[in-house]
Amino acid sequence: MSDEKWSGKTEGWGFGINIFIALIKIFGFAPAYVLLVPVCFVYTIINAKAKKAIRQFRKRLGLKTSFFDYYAHFFSFSLTIIHRAGLLIGKNDKIKYQTQNEDRISNSLKNGKGVILLSSHIGNFWIASEILGERLNAPINILMVERDGEKMKKVYDGFDKNRKVKIITLDENHIETALKINAALQNGEIVAALGDRFIDENVGEIEFLGEKAKFPRGIFEIACLTQTPIIPVFMTRQKIENYTFRAGDIIEIPNTDRKKRREFIDRAMRDFVGQIGEQARKTPLQWYNFYCFWD
């Protein structure tokens, strides 16, 4: 993988998050927003690779890109970090939200098995998982790359021990990971993952915003083998502290023979990627894949 591609870790929790957590604890969100202004300004000046990725993405949408647009992307991304930090320390009353089609998730859970919620790096996936953990009577297991998973476990361990959100790390032992996912689904739990980044070569090339890009196949294969529905979900910001959670169209993959299985998985992936593209067009500033996605 070249330097232009995703490094395998998620940026954001390393840029002084403890400072922001302290500010939010004592003074609320407002001082954190003020501090973001110079931080994002500097980031806009120095991060050439992220700016190249933003420019590439916006070009796919037919949008021009100015300095202000770069800054707006970085500021928007920083707000997601601030808000998920706020939820961790109990500032739930500050974040307002409304839901669309949430019953698609609750109705799927009534069947006694779990459900896979598949999101993307659009909007605030972490706020969605926190809110659903409170609203739905089912634990949520978030799939994360190993280095991010361990980091997030440490963050979570410092707060409420009774939260329903758990972390399953995607490490090199794929069999062990698959067994953990299967156990969670069989227990009627939710498995949540981001379906727009891959960590190995088990990928499918799907047309996305006019050109093929690589997307992970593993979660779709698990959904097929366990006969678990996939529900695309998006948590996008409407105002600075106001979000909309939306459950997309349910994707189901019949468990057939090996030859047909691949065809159905490919179709399911195209469906999911199509729903990502639709959301990206609606909320372009909330696209947070800051690497050249199509290279």
C-alpha atoms as a PDB file:
ATOM      1  CA  MET A   1       0.000   0.000   0.000  1.00  0.00           C
ATOM      2  CA  SER A   2       1.451   3.353  -1.028  1.00  0.00           C
ATOM      3  CA  ASP A   3       1.868   6.356   1.238  1.00  0.00           C
ATOM      4  CA  GLU A   4      -1.187   7.911  -0.398  1.00  0.00           C
ATOM      5  CA  LYS A   5      -3.473   5.183   0.869  1.00  0.00           C
ATOM      6  CA  TRP A   6      -4.995   4.654   4.268  1.00  0.00           C
ATOM      7  CA  SER A   7      -2.313   3.859   6.835  1.00  0.00           C
ATOM      8  CA  GLY A   8      -4.497   1.401   8.717  1.00  0.00           C
ATOM      9  CA  LYS A   9      -5.255   3.667  11.654  1.00  0.00           C
ATOM     10  CA  THR A  10      -7.820   6.353  12.267  1.00  0.00           C
ATOM     11  CA  GLU A  11      -6.555   9.842  12.944  1.00  0.00           C
ATOM     12  CA  GLY A  12      -8.167  12.019  15.555  1.00  0.00           C
ATOM     13  CA  TRP A  13      -7.705  10.573  19.048  1.00  0.00           C
ATOM     14  CA  GLY A  14      -4.068  11.559  19.142  1.00  0.00           C
ATOM     15  CA  PHE A  15      -4.194  15.319  18.610  1.00  0.00           C
ATOM     16  CA  GLY A  16      -4.539  16.442  22.216  1.00  0.00           C
ATOM     17  CA  ILE A  17      -7.917  14.861  22.932  1.00  0.00           C
ATOM     18  CA  ASN A  18      -7.255  14.951  26.678  1.00  0.00           C
ATOM     19  CA  ILE A  19      -7.027  18.739  26.532  1.00  0.00           C
ATOM     20  CA  PHE A  20     -10.402  18.907  24.821  1.00  0.00           C
ATOM     21  CA  ILE A  21     -11.935  16.443  27.292  1.00  0.00           C
ATOM     22  CA  ALA A  22     -10.740  18.602  30.190  1.00  0.00           C
ATOM     23  CA  LEU A  23     -12.193  21.737  28.588  1.00  0.00           C
ATOM     24  CA  ILE A  24     -15.535  20.064  27.910  1.00  0.00           C
ATOM     25  CA  LYS A  25     -15.737  18.645  31.438  1.00  0.00           C
ATOM     26  CA  ILE A  26     -15.252  22.035  33.066  1.00  0.00           C
ATOM     27  CA  PHE A  27     -16.700  24.554  30.613  1.00  0.00           C
ATOM     28  CA  GLY A  28     -18.802  22.627  28.094  1.00  0.00           C
ATOM     29  CA  PHE A  29     -18.367  22.548  24.326  1.00  0.00           C
ATOM     30  CA  ALA A  30     -17.989  26.290  23.611  1.00  0.00           C
ATOM     31  CA  PRO A  31     -14.274  26.711  24.576  1.00  0.00           C
ATOM     32  CA  ALA A  32     -13.430  23.517  22.650  1.00  0.00           C
ATOM     33  CA  TYR A  33     -15.033  25.005  19.543  1.00  0.00           C
ATOM     34  CA  VAL A  34     -12.948  28.150  19.950  1.00  0.00           C
ATOM     35  CA  LEU A  35      -9.745  26.128  20.289  1.00  0.00           C
ATOM     36  CA  LEU A  36     -10.608  24.216  17.111  1.00  0.00           C
ATOM     37  CA  VAL A  37     -10.444  27.392  15.038  1.00  0.00           C
ATOM     38  CA  PRO A  38      -6.621  27.821  15.114  1.00  0.00           C
ATOM     39  CA  VAL A  39      -5.996  24.049  15.229  1.00  0.00           C
ATOM     40  CA  CYS A  40      -7.960  23.477  12.028  1.00  0.00           C
ATOM     41  CA  PHE A  41      -6.381  26.535  10.405  1.00  0.00           C
ATOM     42  CA  VAL A  42      -2.896  25.116  10.958  1.00  0.00           C
ATOM     43  CA  TYR A  43      -4.005  21.673   9.829  1.00  0.00           C
ATOM     44  CA  THR A  44      -5.394  23.185   6.618  1.00  0.00           C
ATOM     45  CA  ILE A  45      -2.039  24.780   5.870  1.00  0.00           C
ATOM     46  CA  ILE A  46       0.242  21.833   6.594  1.00  0.00           C
ATOM     47  CA  ASN A  47      -1.650  18.661   5.631  1.00  0.00           C
ATOM     48  CA  ALA A  48      -1.044  18.372   1.904  1.00  0.00           C
ATOM     49  CA  LYS A  49      -2.019  14.688   1.642  1.00  0.00           C
ATOM     50  CA  ALA A  50      -5.408  15.186   3.268  1.00  0.00           C
ATOM     51  CA  LYS A  51      -6.070  18.209   1.065  1.00  0.00           C
ATOM     52  CA  LYS A  52      -5.262  16.170  -2.029  1.00  0.00           C
ATOM     53  CA  ALA A  53      -7.766  13.538  -0.901  1.00  0.00           C
ATOM     54  CA  ILE A  54     -10.457  16.149  -0.216  1.00  0.00           C
ATOM     55  CA  ARG A  55      -9.877  17.698  -3.626  1.00  0.00           C
ATOM     56  CA  GLN A  56     -10.133  14.281  -5.309  1.00  0.00           C
ATOM     57  CA  PHE A  57     -13.401  13.498  -3.514  1.00  0.00           C
ATOM     58  CA  ARG A  58     -14.987  16.873  -4.256  1.00  0.00           C
ATOM     59  CA  LYS A  59     -14.008  16.583  -7.909  1.00  0.00           C
ATOM     60  CA  ARG A  60     -15.999  13.324  -8.058  1.00  0.00           C
ATOM     61  CA  LEU A  61     -19.009  15.321  -6.924  1.00  0.00           C
ATOM     62  CA  GLY A  62     -18.380  18.104  -9.421  1.00  0.00           C
ATOM     63  CA  LEU A  63     -17.430  20.562  -6.674  1.00  0.00           C
ATOM     64  CA  LYS A  64     -14.636  23.121  -6.726  1.00  0.00           C
ATOM     65  CA  THR A  65     -12.304  23.330  -3.737  1.00  0.00           C
ATOM     66  CA  SER A  66     -10.994  26.483  -2.089  1.00  0.00           C
ATOM     67  CA  PHE A  67      -8.977  27.037   1.093  1.00  0.00           C
ATOM     68  CA  PHE A  68     -12.253  27.577   2.922  1.00  0.00           C
ATOM     69  CA  ASP A  69     -13.547  24.191   1.707  1.00  0.00           C
ATOM     70  CA  TYR A  70     -10.469  22.413   3.058  1.00  0.00           C
ATOM     71  CA  TYR A  71     -10.891  24.213   6.352  1.00  0.00           C
ATOM     72  CA  ALA A  72     -14.611  23.356   6.486  1.00  0.00           C
ATOM     73  CA  HIS A  73     -13.841  19.638   6.018  1.00  0.00           C
ATOM     74  CA  PHE A  74     -11.258  19.653   8.813  1.00  0.00           C
ATOM     75  CA  PHE A  75     -13.478  21.661  11.154  1.00  0.00           C
ATOM     76  CA  SER A  76     -16.417  19.357  10.456  1.00  0.00           C
ATOM     77  CA  PHE A  77     -14.265  16.303  11.220  1.00  0.00           C
ATOM     78  CA  SER A  78     -12.972  17.887  14.418  1.00  0.00           C
ATOM     79  CA  LEU A  79     -16.533  18.439  15.619  1.00  0.00           C
ATOM     80  CA  THR A  80     -17.145  14.680  15.434  1.00  0.00           C
ATOM     81  CA  ILE A  81     -14.192  14.117  17.771  1.00  0.00           C
ATOM     82  CA  ILE A  82     -15.345  16.814  20.185  1.00  0.00           C
ATOM     83  CA  HIS A  83     -18.891  15.475  20.298  1.00  0.00           C
ATOM     84  CA  ARG A  84     -17.974  11.830  20.827  1.00  0.00           C
ATOM     85  CA  ALA A  85     -15.609  12.931  23.618  1.00  0.00           C
ATOM     86  CA  GLY A  86     -18.496  14.879  25.126  1.00  0.00           C
ATOM     87  CA  LEU A  87     -20.743  11.815  25.099  1.00  0.00           C
ATOM     88  CA  LEU A  88     -18.067   9.756  26.831  1.00  0.00           C
ATOM     89  CA  ILE A  89     -17.955  12.187  29.740  1.00  0.00           C
ATOM     90  CA  GLY A  90     -21.715  12.454  30.071  1.00  0.00           C
ATOM     91  CA  LYS A  91     -22.627  15.567  28.063  1.00  0.00           C
ATOM     92  CA  ASN A  92     -25.503  13.671  26.441  1.00  0.00           C
ATOM     93  CA  ASP A  93     -28.005  16.466  27.027  1.00  0.00           C
ATOM     94  CA  LYS A  94     -26.012  18.815  24.785  1.00  0.00           C
ATOM     95  CA  ILE A  95     -26.285  16.652  21.661  1.00  0.00           C
ATOM     96  CA  LYS A  96     -29.713  16.715  20.037  1.00  0.00           C
ATOM     97  CA  TYR A  97     -30.797  14.196  17.433  1.00  0.00           C
ATOM     98  CA  GLN A  98     -33.724  12.770  15.529  1.00  0.00           C
ATOM     99  CA  THR A  99     -34.037   9.342  13.992  1.00  0.00           C
ATOM    100  CA  GLN A 100     -35.342   8.005  10.701  1.00  0.00           C
ATOM    101  CA  ASN A 101     -36.298   4.356  10.143  1.00  0.00           C
ATOM    102  CA  GLU A 102     -34.929   3.217  13.499  1.00  0.00           C
ATOM    103  CA  ASP A 103     -37.695   0.601  13.561  1.00  0.00           C
ATOM    104  CA  ARG A 104     -35.844  -1.284  10.825  1.00  0.00           C
ATOM    105  CA  ILE A 105     -33.213  -2.146  13.420  1.00  0.00           C
ATOM    106  CA  SER A 106     -35.575  -2.944  16.303  1.00  0.00           C
ATOM    107  CA  ASN A 107     -37.793  -5.092  14.071  1.00  0.00           C
ATOM    108  CA  SER A 108     -34.777  -7.060  12.825  1.00  0.00           C
ATOM    109  CA  LEU A 109     -33.668  -7.709  16.413  1.00  0.00           C
ATOM    110  CA  LYS A 110     -37.098  -9.154  17.248  1.00  0.00           C
ATOM    111  CA  ASN A 111     -36.217 -12.215  15.167  1.00  0.00           C
ATOM    112  CA  GLY A 112     -33.937 -13.356  17.978  1.00  0.00           C
ATOM    113  CA  LYS A 113     -30.685 -13.010  16.075  1.00  0.00           C
ATOM    114  CA  GLY A 114     -28.410 -10.053  15.801  1.00  0.00           C
ATOM    115  CA  VAL A 115     -28.065  -7.466  13.090  1.00  0.00           C
ATOM    116  CA  ILE A 116     -25.089  -5.899  11.310  1.00  0.00           C
ATOM    117  CA  LEU A 117     -25.071  -2.110  11.163  1.00  0.00           C
ATOM    118  CA  LEU A 118     -22.736  -1.010   8.415  1.00  0.00           C
ATOM    119  CA  SER A 119     -21.671   2.600   8.251  1.00  0.00           C
ATOM    120  CA  SER A 120     -18.927   4.625   6.601  1.00  0.00           C
ATOM    121  CA  HIS A 121     -16.610   7.542   7.294  1.00  0.00           C
ATOM    122  CA  ILE A 122     -19.463   9.935   6.640  1.00  0.00           C
ATOM    123  CA  GLY A 123     -20.878  11.722   9.672  1.00  0.00           C
ATOM    124  CA  ASN A 124     -20.393  10.584  13.255  1.00  0.00           C
ATOM    125  CA  PHE A 125     -20.427   6.795  13.566  1.00  0.00           C
ATOM    126  CA  TRP A 126     -19.403   6.953  17.237  1.00  0.00           C
ATOM    127  CA  ILE A 127     -22.318   9.114  18.281  1.00  0.00           C
ATOM    128  CA  ALA A 128     -24.647   6.703  16.495  1.00  0.00           C
ATOM    129  CA  SER A 129     -23.253   3.740  18.422  1.00  0.00           C
ATOM    130  CA  GLU A 130     -23.524   5.564  21.757  1.00  0.00           C
ATOM    131  CA  ILE A 131     -27.123   6.625  21.115  1.00  0.00           C
ATOM    132  CA  LEU A 132     -28.224   3.201  19.907  1.00  0.00           C
ATOM    133  CA  GLY A 133     -26.590   1.619  22.930  1.00  0.00           C
ATOM    134  CA  GLU A 134     -28.979   3.638  25.066  1.00  0.00           C
ATOM    135  CA  ARG A 135     -32.095   3.263  22.903  1.00  0.00           C
ATOM    136  CA  LEU A 136     -32.009  -0.397  21.868  1.00  0.00           C
ATOM    137  CA  ASN A 137     -32.159  -3.320  24.250  1.00  0.00           C
ATOM    138  CA  ALA A 138     -29.106  -5.006  22.747  1.00  0.00           C
ATOM    139  CA  PRO A 139     -25.359  -4.676  23.283  1.00  0.00           C
ATOM    140  CA  ILE A 140     -23.382  -3.104  20.442  1.00  0.00           C
ATOM    141  CA  ASN A 141     -20.069  -4.579  19.299  1.00  0.00           C
ATOM    142  CA  ILE A 142     -17.923  -2.227  17.226  1.00  0.00           C
ATOM    143  CA  LEU A 143     -15.385  -3.764  14.857  1.00  0.00           C
ATOM    144  CA  MET A 144     -12.110  -1.857  14.831  1.00  0.00           C
ATOM    145  CA  VAL A 145      -8.594  -2.279  13.480  1.00  0.00           C
ATOM    146  CA  GLU A 146      -6.384  -3.659  16.257  1.00  0.00           C
ATOM    147  CA  ARG A 147      -4.326  -0.530  16.901  1.00  0.00           C
ATOM    148  CA  ASP A 148      -7.449   1.643  17.022  1.00  0.00           C
ATOM    149  CA  GLY A 149      -9.422  -0.926  19.000  1.00  0.00           C
ATOM    150  CA  GLU A 150      -6.922  -1.091  21.839  1.00  0.00           C
ATOM    151  CA  LYS A 151      -6.686   2.687  21.949  1.00  0.00           C
ATOM    152  CA  MET A 152     -10.463   3.065  22.105  1.00  0.00           C
ATOM    153  CA  LYS A 153     -10.778   0.354  24.775  1.00  0.00           C
ATOM    154  CA  LYS A 154      -8.478   2.412  26.988  1.00  0.00           C
ATOM    155  CA  VAL A 155     -10.598   5.505  26.384  1.00  0.00           C
ATOM    156  CA  TYR A 156     -13.816   3.635  27.187  1.00  0.00           C
ATOM    157  CA  ASP A 157     -12.357   1.943  30.258  1.00  0.00           C
ATOM    158  CA  GLY A 158     -11.781   5.343  31.792  1.00  0.00           C
ATOM    159  CA  PHE A 159     -15.505   6.060  31.838  1.00  0.00           C
ATOM    160  CA  ASP A 160     -18.741   4.210  32.540  1.00  0.00           C
ATOM    161  CA  LYS A 161     -18.068   0.494  33.055  1.00  0.00           C
ATOM    162  CA  ASN A 162     -21.719  -0.358  32.339  1.00  0.00           C
ATOM    163  CA  ARG A 163     -21.910   1.005  28.796  1.00  0.00           C
ATOM    164  CA  LYS A 164     -23.418  -1.311  26.233  1.00  0.00           C
ATOM    165  CA  VAL A 165     -20.804  -0.503  23.615  1.00  0.00           C
ATOM    166  CA  LYS A 166     -18.025  -3.089  23.290  1.00  0.00           C
ATOM    167  CA  ILE A 167     -15.006  -3.306  20.993  1.00  0.00           C
ATOM    168  CA  ILE A 168     -14.042  -6.295  18.823  1.00  0.00           C
ATOM    169  CA  THR A 169     -10.588  -5.794  17.353  1.00  0.00           C
ATOM    170  CA  LEU A 170      -9.809  -6.942  13.828  1.00  0.00           C
ATOM    171  CA  ASP A 171      -6.435  -8.552  14.348  1.00  0.00           C
ATOM    172  CA  GLU A 172      -4.379 -11.034  12.352  1.00  0.00           C
ATOM    173  CA  ASN A 173      -6.295 -14.014  13.755  1.00  0.00           C
ATOM    174  CA  HIS A 174      -9.255 -13.808  11.369  1.00  0.00           C
ATOM    175  CA  ILE A 175     -10.798 -17.048  12.661  1.00  0.00           C
ATOM    176  CA  GLU A 176     -10.896 -15.799  16.249  1.00  0.00           C
ATOM    177  CA  THR A 177     -12.390 -12.507  15.141  1.00  0.00           C
ATOM    178  CA  ALA A 178     -15.042 -14.278  13.049  1.00  0.00           C
ATOM    179  CA  LEU A 179     -15.964 -16.478  16.027  1.00  0.00           C
ATOM    180  CA  LYS A 180     -16.434 -13.402  18.246  1.00  0.00           C
ATOM    181  CA  ILE A 181     -18.636 -11.767  15.620  1.00  0.00           C
ATOM    182  CA  ASN A 182     -20.687 -14.935  15.156  1.00  0.00           C
ATOM    183  CA  ALA A 183     -21.134 -15.337  18.919  1.00  0.00           C
ATOM    184  CA  ALA A 184     -22.379 -11.750  19.241  1.00  0.00           C
ATOM    185  CA  LEU A 185     -24.864 -12.218  16.397  1.00  0.00           C
ATOM    186  CA  GLN A 186     -26.119 -15.542  17.779  1.00  0.00           C
ATOM    187  CA  ASN A 187     -26.685 -13.801  21.131  1.00  0.00           C
ATOM    188  CA  GLY A 188     -28.965 -11.300  19.424  1.00  0.00           C
ATOM    189  CA  GLU A 189     -26.464  -8.459  19.676  1.00  0.00           C
ATOM    190  CA  ILE A 190     -25.611  -5.693  17.234  1.00  0.00           C
ATOM    191  CA  VAL A 191     -22.349  -5.767  15.309  1.00  0.00           C
ATOM    192  CA  ALA A 192     -21.391  -2.347  13.943  1.00  0.00           C
ATOM    193  CA  ALA A 193     -18.645  -1.754  11.405  1.00  0.00           C
ATOM    194  CA  LEU A 194     -17.325   0.770   8.924  1.00  0.00           C
ATOM    195  CA  GLY A 195     -17.610  -0.663   5.438  1.00  0.00           C
ATOM    196  CA  ASP A 196     -15.520   1.771   3.419  1.00  0.00           C
ATOM    197  CA  ARG A 197     -11.958   0.820   4.459  1.00  0.00           C
ATOM    198  CA  PHE A 198     -10.139  -2.464   3.976  1.00  0.00           C
ATOM    199  CA  ILE A 199      -7.275  -3.976   5.971  1.00  0.00           C
ATOM    200  CA  ASP A 200      -6.451  -7.009   3.815  1.00  0.00           C
ATOM    201  CA  GLU A 201      -6.849  -8.190   0.231  1.00  0.00           C
ATOM    202  CA  ASN A 202     -10.330  -9.647   0.697  1.00  0.00           C
ATOM    203  CA  VAL A 203     -11.964  -6.820  -1.223  1.00  0.00           C
ATOM    204  CA  GLY A 204     -14.362  -6.142  -4.044  1.00  0.00           C
ATOM    205  CA  GLU A 205     -13.948  -3.382  -6.612  1.00  0.00           C
ATOM    206  CA  ILE A 206     -17.217  -1.472  -6.740  1.00  0.00           C
ATOM    207  CA  GLU A 207     -18.061   1.636  -8.744  1.00  0.00           C
ATOM    208  CA  PHE A 208     -18.301   4.574  -6.365  1.00  0.00           C
ATOM    209  CA  LEU A 209     -18.998   8.113  -7.550  1.00  0.00           C
ATOM    210  CA  GLY A 210     -18.113   7.214 -11.118  1.00  0.00           C
ATOM    211  CA  GLU A 211     -14.987   5.094 -10.664  1.00  0.00           C
ATOM    212  CA  LYS A 212     -14.173   1.745  -9.084  1.00  0.00           C
ATOM    213  CA  ALA A 213     -12.773   1.662  -5.564  1.00  0.00           C
ATOM    214  CA  LYS A 214     -11.948  -1.163  -3.153  1.00  0.00           C
ATOM    215  CA  PHE A 215     -14.329  -2.130  -0.350  1.00  0.00           C
ATOM    216  CA  PRO A 216     -13.990  -4.958   2.216  1.00  0.00           C
ATOM    217  CA  ARG A 217     -15.894  -8.189   1.506  1.00  0.00           C
ATOM    218  CA  GLY A 218     -15.450  -9.911   4.876  1.00  0.00           C
ATOM    219  CA  ILE A 219     -18.445  -8.434   6.683  1.00  0.00           C
ATOM    220  CA  PHE A 220     -20.699  -9.324   3.738  1.00  0.00           C
ATOM    221  CA  GLU A 221     -19.433 -12.906   3.776  1.00  0.00           C
ATOM    222  CA  ILE A 222     -20.209 -13.137   7.496  1.00  0.00           C
ATOM    223  CA  ALA A 223     -23.690 -11.733   6.897  1.00  0.00           C
ATOM    224  CA  CYS A 224     -24.254 -14.364   4.220  1.00  0.00           C
ATOM    225  CA  LEU A 225     -22.998 -17.321   6.270  1.00  0.00           C
ATOM    226  CA  THR A 226     -24.860 -16.292   9.439  1.00  0.00           C
ATOM    227  CA  GLN A 227     -27.977 -15.147   7.568  1.00  0.00           C
ATOM    228  CA  THR A 228     -27.830 -11.792   9.291  1.00  0.00           C
ATOM    229  CA  PRO A 229     -29.371  -8.674   7.718  1.00  0.00           C
ATOM    230  CA  ILE A 230     -27.124  -5.699   6.994  1.00  0.00           C
ATOM    231  CA  ILE A 231     -28.574  -2.260   7.656  1.00  0.00           C
ATOM    232  CA  PRO A 232     -26.599   0.746   6.373  1.00  0.00           C
ATOM    233  CA  VAL A 233     -26.708   3.558   8.936  1.00  0.00           C
ATOM    234  CA  PHE A 234     -25.687   7.209   8.841  1.00  0.00           C
ATOM    235  CA  MET A 235     -25.389   9.796  11.620  1.00  0.00           C
ATOM    236  CA  THR A 236     -24.988  13.210  10.012  1.00  0.00           C
ATOM    237  CA  ARG A 237     -24.871  16.649  11.554  1.00  0.00           C
ATOM    238  CA  GLN A 238     -27.585  19.147  10.619  1.00  0.00           C
ATOM    239  CA  LYS A 239     -26.536  21.979  12.954  1.00  0.00           C
ATOM    240  CA  ILE A 240     -23.501  22.276  15.185  1.00  0.00           C
ATOM    241  CA  GLU A 241     -24.967  20.081  17.970  1.00  0.00           C
ATOM    242  CA  ASN A 242     -27.904  18.541  16.138  1.00  0.00           C
ATOM    243  CA  TYR A 243     -27.730  15.208  14.311  1.00  0.00           C
ATOM    244  CA  THR A 244     -29.974  12.962  12.265  1.00  0.00           C
ATOM    245  CA  PHE A 245     -29.635   9.195  12.561  1.00  0.00           C
ATOM    246  CA  ARG A 246     -30.923   7.337   9.502  1.00  0.00           C
ATOM    247  CA  ALA A 247     -31.203   3.618   8.876  1.00  0.00           C
ATOM    248  CA  GLY A 248     -30.985   2.837   5.170  1.00  0.00           C
ATOM    249  CA  ASP A 249     -32.526   0.068   3.109  1.00  0.00           C
ATOM    250  CA  ILE A 250     -32.018  -3.414   4.580  1.00  0.00           C
ATOM    251  CA  ILE A 251     -29.624  -5.673   2.664  1.00  0.00           C
ATOM    252  CA  GLU A 252     -30.120  -9.432   2.907  1.00  0.00           C
ATOM    253  CA  ILE A 253     -27.879 -12.042   1.289  1.00  0.00           C
ATOM    254  CA  PRO A 254     -29.290 -15.543   0.705  1.00  0.00           C
ATOM    255  CA  ASN A 255     -27.001 -18.396   1.698  1.00  0.00           C
ATOM    256  CA  THR A 256     -26.740 -20.394  -1.514  1.00  0.00           C
ATOM    257  CA  ASP A 257     -24.016 -22.535  -3.085  1.00  0.00           C
ATOM    258  CA  ARG A 258     -20.518 -21.112  -3.340  1.00  0.00           C
ATOM    259  CA  LYS A 259     -20.824 -20.028  -6.989  1.00  0.00           C
ATOM    260  CA  LYS A 260     -24.026 -18.028  -6.508  1.00  0.00           C
ATOM    261  CA  ARG A 261     -22.927 -16.755  -3.103  1.00  0.00           C
ATOM    262  CA  ARG A 262     -20.238 -14.574  -4.659  1.00  0.00           C
ATOM    263  CA  GLU A 263     -22.756 -13.079  -7.062  1.00  0.00           C
ATOM    264  CA  PHE A 264     -25.168 -12.203  -4.234  1.00  0.00           C
ATOM    265  CA  ILE A 265     -22.362 -10.717  -2.123  1.00  0.00           C
ATOM    266  CA  ASP A 266     -21.239  -8.561  -5.042  1.00  0.00           C
ATOM    267  CA  ARG A 267     -24.806  -7.353  -5.474  1.00  0.00           C
ATOM    268  CA  ALA A 268     -25.092  -6.558  -1.760  1.00  0.00           C
ATOM    269  CA  MET A 269     -21.837  -4.610  -1.858  1.00  0.00           C
ATOM    270  CA  ARG A 270     -23.062  -2.554  -4.817  1.00  0.00           C
ATOM    271  CA  ASP A 271     -26.246  -1.803  -2.886  1.00  0.00           C
ATOM    272  CA  PHE A 272     -24.292  -0.627   0.166  1.00  0.00           C
ATOM    273  CA  VAL A 273     -21.834   1.453  -1.850  1.00  0.00           C
ATOM    274  CA  GLY A 274     -24.748   3.041  -3.711  1.00  0.00           C
ATOM    275  CA  GLN A 275     -26.261   4.128  -0.401  1.00  0.00           C
ATOM    276  CA  ILE A 276     -22.897   5.600   0.677  1.00  0.00           C
ATOM    277  CA  GLY A 277     -22.712   7.568  -2.560  1.00  0.00           C
ATOM    278  CA  GLU A 278     -26.207   8.926  -2.026  1.00  0.00           C
ATOM    279  CA  GLN A 279     -25.289  10.135   1.466  1.00  0.00           C
ATOM    280  CA  ALA A 280     -21.960  11.594   0.304  1.00  0.00           C
ATOM    281  CA  ARG A 281     -23.785  13.769  -2.209  1.00  0.00           C
ATOM    282  CA  LYS A 282     -26.136  15.028   0.497  1.00  0.00           C
ATOM    283  CA  THR A 283     -23.442  15.845   3.078  1.00  0.00           C
ATOM    284  CA  PRO A 284     -20.103  16.276   1.254  1.00  0.00           C
ATOM    285  CA  LEU A 285     -18.431  18.179   4.120  1.00  0.00           C
ATOM    286  CA  GLN A 286     -18.980  15.167   6.361  1.00  0.00           C
ATOM    287  CA  TRP A 287     -16.815  12.829   4.280  1.00  0.00           C
ATOM    288  CA  TYR A 288     -13.836  11.876   6.465  1.00  0.00           C
ATOM    289  CA  ASN A 289     -11.723   9.520   4.375  1.00  0.00           C
ATOM    290  CA  PHE A 290      -8.661  11.758   4.227  1.00  0.00           C
ATOM    291  CA  TYR A 291      -6.628   9.613   1.824  1.00  0.00           C
ATOM    292  CA  CYS A 292      -6.890   9.204  -1.927  1.00  0.00           C
ATOM    293  CA  PHE A 293      -9.784   6.795  -2.015  1.00  0.00           C
ATOM    294  CA  TRP A 294      -9.632   5.811  -5.692  1.00  0.00           C
ATOM    295  CA  ASP A 295      -5.831   5.452  -6.115  1.00  0.00           C
END
